[in-house]
Amino acid sequence: MKVIDLTHTLREDMPVFPGTEPPKILDGNTIERDGFAEKILTFYTHTGTHIDAPCHIHPHKRSLDEFPVDKFMGRGIVIDVKGRDSIERATLIEYEKDIDETDFVLFSCGWEDRWGSPEYYSNFPALTEEAARWLSLKDLKGIGIDAISLDRMEDEHLPVHRILLEKEFIFIENLKNLEVLVGRTFTLSCLPLRFEGADGAPVRAVALLD
């Protein structure tokens, strides 16, 4: 079985959403002092490669820990949207047959190459509201992207989040290595940390190739 890692490494100098504090990774115990090593981790729930839960936007919707574990695994496809200004409904319709036969739709926009630079935070091809409404009618578990958000950064109302999280989709953001999955069939595993009331959580997302 070949496994493709889709996850960025958590580190203190990593990109985070503007206004969010970067993670802190401290030595809680050390082998030299205590005879064993243990880290203290402090991070926001939407740090790095992570999942957004419906309750991230809608307070009466489910948190990640309230979903059955199979919510976070299933068939996946990657749609190449490199070079586009946005992800339009017309683009999705081109892939409708594949979308109807999968659990997760992931968008490869090439923004992984900008990871760690100021350019990572702007001009990526986000979903339009019309495209989000079209997707909301599909029987999907979730969608993902190799960028910081599925909404444009200037859309503070987060319309795409509101439309799709209302339908109890999950979002996987800040993915990597999606370009190698274009045109391939795979199983996505994106198991989050399980803690009570999780509005989001970092994940170790991987693709299991057929």
Foldseek 3Di string as FASTA:
>chain_A
DDKFWFWDDQDQLWDDDPPFHHKDWAWPDDCVHPVDTDIDIDGDFLPTFKKAWLCLQPVPGDAPLPDPQCLQKWKEAEDEPAPDQACELVSVVVCVVVQQVIAEYEYEHPLLVCTSHPVLQARTHAYDLNNLLVCLPHNHSAYEYLGSDNDGPVPPVNNSSNSNSVSGHMYTYNTDPCVVRHPFIWMKGWGFDNDPPHSMHHTRIMTGGD
